[in-house]
Amino acid sequence: MAKGPEKDTKNKALHTKLLNRKKTKLQEEKKEKALRLKALVTKMNQKKSSDELDIR
């Protein structure tokens, strides 16, 4: 092996850190979107069931 400092370890560490940050951000956005969608579906189902009761 060659003597001296390792190549690009600082750069690779920074790149990995940034990629991990991006990955976690995307996961959080996906979870938030799923929660909003779930809330919307439950709201629409409640509205639909209340509308059916009003008709009868």
PDB file of N, CA and C in Angstrom:
ATOM      1  N   MET A   1       0.823  -1.191   0.000  1.00  0.00           N
ATOM      2  CA  MET A   1       0.000   0.000   0.000  1.00  0.00           C
ATOM      3  C   MET A   1       0.867   1.254   0.000  1.00  0.00           C
ATOM      4  N   ALA A   2       0.345   2.283  -0.601  1.00  0.00           N
ATOM      5  CA  ALA A   2       1.073   3.538  -0.652  1.00  0.00           C
ATOM      6  C   ALA A   2       0.975   4.250   0.683  1.00  0.00           C
ATOM      7  N   LYS A   3       2.048   4.960   1.004  1.00  0.00           N
ATOM      8  CA  LYS A   3       2.053   5.727   2.246  1.00  0.00           C
ATOM      9  C   LYS A   3       1.399   7.079   2.006  1.00  0.00           C
ATOM     10  N   GLY A   4       0.904   7.653   3.059  1.00  0.00           N
ATOM     11  CA  GLY A   4       0.317   8.973   2.909  1.00  0.00           C
ATOM     12  C   GLY A   4      -1.150   8.975   3.287  1.00  0.00           C
ATOM     13  N   PRO A   5      -1.786  10.124   3.174  1.00  0.00           N
ATOM     14  CA  PRO A   5      -3.200  10.227   3.559  1.00  0.00           C
ATOM     15  C   PRO A   5      -4.108   9.487   2.571  1.00  0.00           C
ATOM     16  N   GLU A   6      -5.235   9.047   3.089  1.00  0.00           N
ATOM     17  CA  GLU A   6      -6.207   8.370   2.233  1.00  0.00           C
ATOM     18  C   GLU A   6      -6.841   9.380   1.285  1.00  0.00           C
ATOM     19  N   LYS A   7      -7.262   8.889   0.144  1.00  0.00           N
ATOM     20  CA  LYS A   7      -7.841   9.773  -0.864  1.00  0.00           C
ATOM     21  C   LYS A   7      -9.338   9.964  -0.641  1.00  0.00           C
ATOM     22  N   ASP A   8      -9.776  11.172  -0.750  1.00  0.00           N
ATOM     23  CA  ASP A   8     -11.189  11.542  -0.816  1.00  0.00           C
ATOM     24  C   ASP A   8     -12.086  11.008   0.296  1.00  0.00           C
ATOM     25  N   THR A   9     -11.545  10.673   1.455  1.00  0.00           N
ATOM     26  CA  THR A   9     -12.426  10.156   2.508  1.00  0.00           C
ATOM     27  C   THR A   9     -13.342  11.257   3.021  1.00  0.00           C
ATOM     28  N   LYS A  10     -12.831  12.478   3.082  1.00  0.00           N
ATOM     29  CA  LYS A  10     -13.661  13.586   3.546  1.00  0.00           C
ATOM     30  C   LYS A  10     -14.796  13.846   2.559  1.00  0.00           C
ATOM     31  N   ASN A  11     -14.472  13.837   1.284  1.00  0.00           N
ATOM     32  CA  ASN A  11     -15.460  14.052   0.232  1.00  0.00           C
ATOM     33  C   ASN A  11     -16.525  12.955   0.250  1.00  0.00           C
ATOM     34  N   LYS A  12     -16.081  11.704   0.382  1.00  0.00           N
ATOM     35  CA  LYS A  12     -17.019  10.587   0.390  1.00  0.00           C
ATOM     36  C   LYS A  12     -17.934  10.652   1.605  1.00  0.00           C
ATOM     37  N   ALA A  13     -17.370  11.035   2.747  1.00  0.00           N
ATOM     38  CA  ALA A  13     -18.177  11.136   3.967  1.00  0.00           C
ATOM     39  C   ALA A  13     -19.242  12.219   3.807  1.00  0.00           C
ATOM     40  N   LEU A  14     -18.869  13.341   3.237  1.00  0.00           N
ATOM     41  CA  LEU A  14     -19.825  14.429   3.031  1.00  0.00           C
ATOM     42  C   LEU A  14     -20.910  14.006   2.052  1.00  0.00           C
ATOM     43  N   HIS A  15     -20.509  13.328   0.989  1.00  0.00           N
ATOM     44  CA  HIS A  15     -21.466  12.869  -0.019  1.00  0.00           C
ATOM     45  C   HIS A  15     -22.463  11.889   0.605  1.00  0.00           C
ATOM     46  N   THR A  16     -21.953  10.961   1.401  1.00  0.00           N
ATOM     47  CA  THR A  16     -22.818   9.986   2.058  1.00  0.00           C
ATOM     48  C   THR A  16     -23.789  10.679   2.998  1.00  0.00           C
ATOM     49  N   LYS A  17     -23.276  11.666   3.731  1.00  0.00           N
ATOM     50  CA  LYS A  17     -24.126  12.411   4.665  1.00  0.00           C
ATOM     51  C   LYS A  17     -25.257  13.110   3.922  1.00  0.00           C
ATOM     52  N   LEU A  18     -24.922  13.736   2.798  1.00  0.00           N
ATOM     53  CA  LEU A  18     -25.933  14.445   2.016  1.00  0.00           C
ATOM     54  C   LEU A  18     -26.958  13.479   1.420  1.00  0.00           C
ATOM     55  N   LEU A  19     -26.482  12.350   0.917  1.00  0.00           N
ATOM     56  CA  LEU A  19     -27.410  11.369   0.350  1.00  0.00           C
ATOM     57  C   LEU A  19     -28.349  10.808   1.412  1.00  0.00           C
ATOM     58  N   ASN A  20     -27.812  10.549   2.614  1.00  0.00           N
ATOM     59  CA  ASN A  20     -28.659  10.050   3.699  1.00  0.00           C
ATOM     60  C   ASN A  20     -29.695  11.084   4.099  1.00  0.00           C
ATOM     61  N   ARG A  21     -29.291  12.355   4.111  1.00  0.00           N
ATOM     62  CA  ARG A  21     -30.224  13.427   4.455  1.00  0.00           C
ATOM     63  C   ARG A  21     -31.348  13.501   3.426  1.00  0.00           C
ATOM     64  N   LYS A  22     -30.980  13.365   2.141  1.00  0.00           N
ATOM     65  CA  LYS A  22     -31.970  13.405   1.065  1.00  0.00           C
ATOM     66  C   LYS A  22     -32.929  12.223   1.175  1.00  0.00           C
ATOM     67  N   LYS A  23     -32.380  11.048   1.472  1.00  0.00           N
ATOM     68  CA  LYS A  23     -33.186   9.842   1.577  1.00  0.00           C
ATOM     69  C   LYS A  23     -34.200   9.947   2.717  1.00  0.00           C
ATOM     70  N   THR A  24     -33.760  10.445   3.869  1.00  0.00           N
ATOM     71  CA  THR A  24     -34.672  10.579   5.005  1.00  0.00           C
ATOM     72  C   THR A  24     -35.733  11.638   4.730  1.00  0.00           C
ATOM     73  N   LYS A  25     -35.352  12.705   4.033  1.00  0.00           N
ATOM     74  CA  LYS A  25     -36.322  13.746   3.690  1.00  0.00           C
ATOM     75  C   LYS A  25     -37.414  13.177   2.795  1.00  0.00           C
ATOM     76  N   LEU A  26     -37.033  12.379   1.801  1.00  0.00           N
ATOM     77  CA  LEU A  26     -38.012  11.773   0.905  1.00  0.00           C
ATOM     78  C   LEU A  26     -38.928  10.817   1.659  1.00  0.00           C
ATOM     79  N   GLN A  27     -38.368  10.046   2.603  1.00  0.00           N
ATOM     80  CA  GLN A  27     -39.188   9.134   3.387  1.00  0.00           C
ATOM     81  C   GLN A  27     -40.201   9.892   4.234  1.00  0.00           C
ATOM     82  N   GLU A  28     -39.764  10.994   4.847  1.00  0.00           N
ATOM     83  CA  GLU A  28     -40.673  11.798   5.663  1.00  0.00           C
ATOM     84  C   GLU A  28     -41.801  12.389   4.816  1.00  0.00           C
ATOM     85  N   GLU A  29     -41.457  12.891   3.633  1.00  0.00           N
ATOM     86  CA  GLU A  29     -42.480  13.445   2.745  1.00  0.00           C
ATOM     87  C   GLU A  29     -43.483  12.378   2.343  1.00  0.00           C
ATOM     88  N   LYS A  30     -42.992  11.172   2.090  1.00  0.00           N
ATOM     89  CA  LYS A  30     -43.865  10.077   1.700  1.00  0.00           C
ATOM     90  C   LYS A  30     -44.820   9.718   2.838  1.00  0.00           C
ATOM     91  N   LYS A  31     -44.306   9.686   4.078  1.00  0.00           N
ATOM     92  CA  LYS A  31     -45.151   9.388   5.234  1.00  0.00           C
ATOM     93  C   LYS A  31     -46.206  10.465   5.434  1.00  0.00           C
ATOM     94  N   GLU A  32     -45.805  11.730   5.319  1.00  0.00           N
ATOM     95  CA  GLU A  32     -46.749  12.830   5.491  1.00  0.00           C
ATOM     96  C   GLU A  32     -47.847  12.788   4.439  1.00  0.00           C
ATOM     97  N   LYS A  33     -47.458  12.485   3.195  1.00  0.00           N
ATOM     98  CA  LYS A  33     -48.440  12.406   2.113  1.00  0.00           C
ATOM     99  C   LYS A  33     -49.430  11.277   2.374  1.00  0.00           C
ATOM    100  N   ALA A  34     -48.929  10.144   2.861  1.00  0.00           N
ATOM    101  CA  ALA A  34     -49.801   9.016   3.156  1.00  0.00           C
ATOM    102  C   ALA A  34     -50.771   9.361   4.281  1.00  0.00           C
ATOM    103  N   LEU A  35     -50.296  10.074   5.302  1.00  0.00           N
ATOM    104  CA  LEU A  35     -51.175  10.463   6.399  1.00  0.00           C
ATOM    105  C   LEU A  35     -52.253  11.434   5.939  1.00  0.00           C
ATOM    106  N   ARG A  36     -51.868  12.400   5.095  1.00  0.00           N
ATOM    107  CA  ARG A  36     -52.855  13.353   4.585  1.00  0.00           C
ATOM    108  C   ARG A  36     -53.906  12.641   3.747  1.00  0.00           C
ATOM    109  N   LEU A  37     -53.463  11.705   2.921  1.00  0.00           N
ATOM    110  CA  LEU A  37     -54.383  10.951   2.074  1.00  0.00           C
ATOM    111  C   LEU A  37     -55.330  10.109   2.922  1.00  0.00           C
ATOM    112  N   LYS A  38     -54.784   9.478   3.959  1.00  0.00           N
ATOM    113  CA  LYS A  38     -55.606   8.651   4.839  1.00  0.00           C
ATOM    114  C   LYS A  38     -56.657   9.510   5.540  1.00  0.00           C
ATOM    115  N   ALA A  39     -56.269  10.693   6.003  1.00  0.00           N
ATOM    116  CA  ALA A  39     -57.207  11.587   6.668  1.00  0.00           C
ATOM    117  C   ALA A  39     -58.301  12.029   5.705  1.00  0.00           C
ATOM    118  N   LEU A  40     -57.912  12.322   4.468  1.00  0.00           N
ATOM    119  CA  LEU A  40     -58.885  12.741   3.465  1.00  0.00           C
ATOM    120  C   LEU A  40     -59.879  11.620   3.166  1.00  0.00           C
ATOM    121  N   VAL A  41     -59.387  10.398   3.066  1.00  0.00           N
ATOM    122  CA  VAL A  41     -60.263   9.257   2.784  1.00  0.00           C
ATOM    123  C   VAL A  41     -61.256   9.050   3.919  1.00  0.00           C
ATOM    124  N   THR A  42     -60.787   9.123   5.164  1.00  0.00           N
ATOM    125  CA  THR A  42     -61.704   8.941   6.294  1.00  0.00           C
ATOM    126  C   THR A  42     -62.739  10.060   6.329  1.00  0.00           C
ATOM    127  N   LYS A  43     -62.316  11.280   6.028  1.00  0.00           N
ATOM    128  CA  LYS A  43     -63.247  12.414   6.009  1.00  0.00           C
ATOM    129  C   LYS A  43     -64.319  12.203   4.942  1.00  0.00           C
ATOM    130  N   MET A  44     -63.911  11.764   3.754  1.00  0.00           N
ATOM    131  CA  MET A  44     -64.870  11.545   2.674  1.00  0.00           C
ATOM    132  C   MET A  44     -65.807  10.380   3.007  1.00  0.00           C
ATOM    133  N   ASN A  45     -65.287   9.344   3.645  1.00  0.00           N
ATOM    134  CA  ASN A  45     -66.140   8.220   4.038  1.00  0.00           C
ATOM    135  C   ASN A  45     -67.175   8.654   5.065  1.00  0.00           C
ATOM    136  N   GLN A  46     -66.767   9.494   6.012  1.00  0.00           N
ATOM    137  CA  GLN A  46     -67.714   9.995   7.006  1.00  0.00           C
ATOM    138  C   GLN A  46     -68.788  10.849   6.336  1.00  0.00           C
ATOM    139  N   LYS A  47     -68.369  11.688   5.410  1.00  0.00           N
ATOM    140  CA  LYS A  47     -69.321  12.539   4.698  1.00  0.00           C
ATOM    141  C   LYS A  47     -70.300  11.685   3.898  1.00  0.00           C
ATOM    142  N   LYS A  48     -69.766  10.655   3.246  1.00  0.00           N
ATOM    143  CA  LYS A  48     -70.601   9.769   2.443  1.00  0.00           C
ATOM    144  C   LYS A  48     -71.616   9.051   3.312  1.00  0.00           C
ATOM    145  N   SER A  49     -71.169   8.560   4.468  1.00  0.00           N
ATOM    146  CA  SER A  49     -72.095   7.830   5.355  1.00  0.00           C
ATOM    147  C   SER A  49     -73.144   8.776   5.939  1.00  0.00           C
ATOM    148  N   SER A  50     -72.772  10.010   6.233  1.00  0.00           N
ATOM    149  CA  SER A  50     -73.750  10.964   6.755  1.00  0.00           C
ATOM    150  C   SER A  50     -74.754  11.372   5.670  1.00  0.00           C
ATOM    151  N   ASP A  51     -74.285  11.452   4.436  1.00  0.00           N
ATOM    152  CA  ASP A  51     -75.178  11.768   3.330  1.00  0.00           C
ATOM    153  C   ASP A  51     -76.192  10.647   3.117  1.00  0.00           C
ATOM    154  N   GLU A  52     -75.744   9.414   3.253  1.00  0.00           N
ATOM    155  CA  GLU A  52     -76.647   8.272   3.102  1.00  0.00           C
ATOM    156  C   GLU A  52     -77.709   8.270   4.196  1.00  0.00           C
ATOM    157  N   LEU A  53     -77.338   8.664   5.395  1.00  0.00           N
ATOM    158  CA  LEU A  53     -78.298   8.720   6.487  1.00  0.00           C
ATOM    159  C   LEU A  53     -79.316   9.826   6.272  1.00  0.00           C
ATOM    160  N   ASP A  54     -78.894  10.948   5.686  1.00  0.00           N
ATOM    161  CA  ASP A  54     -79.789  12.058   5.410  1.00  0.00           C
ATOM    162  C   ASP A  54     -80.817  11.702   4.339  1.00  0.00           C
ATOM    163  N   ILE A  55     -80.422  10.884   3.400  1.00  0.00           N
ATOM    164  CA  ILE A  55     -81.324  10.496   2.312  1.00  0.00           C
ATOM    165  C   ILE A  55     -82.437   9.610   2.842  1.00  0.00           C
ATOM    166  N   ARG A  56     -82.104   8.734   3.760  1.00  0.00           N
ATOM    167  CA  ARG A  56     -83.085   7.792   4.306  1.00  0.00           C
ATOM    168  C   ARG A  56     -83.962   8.494   5.238  1.00  0.00           C
TER     169      ARG A  56
END
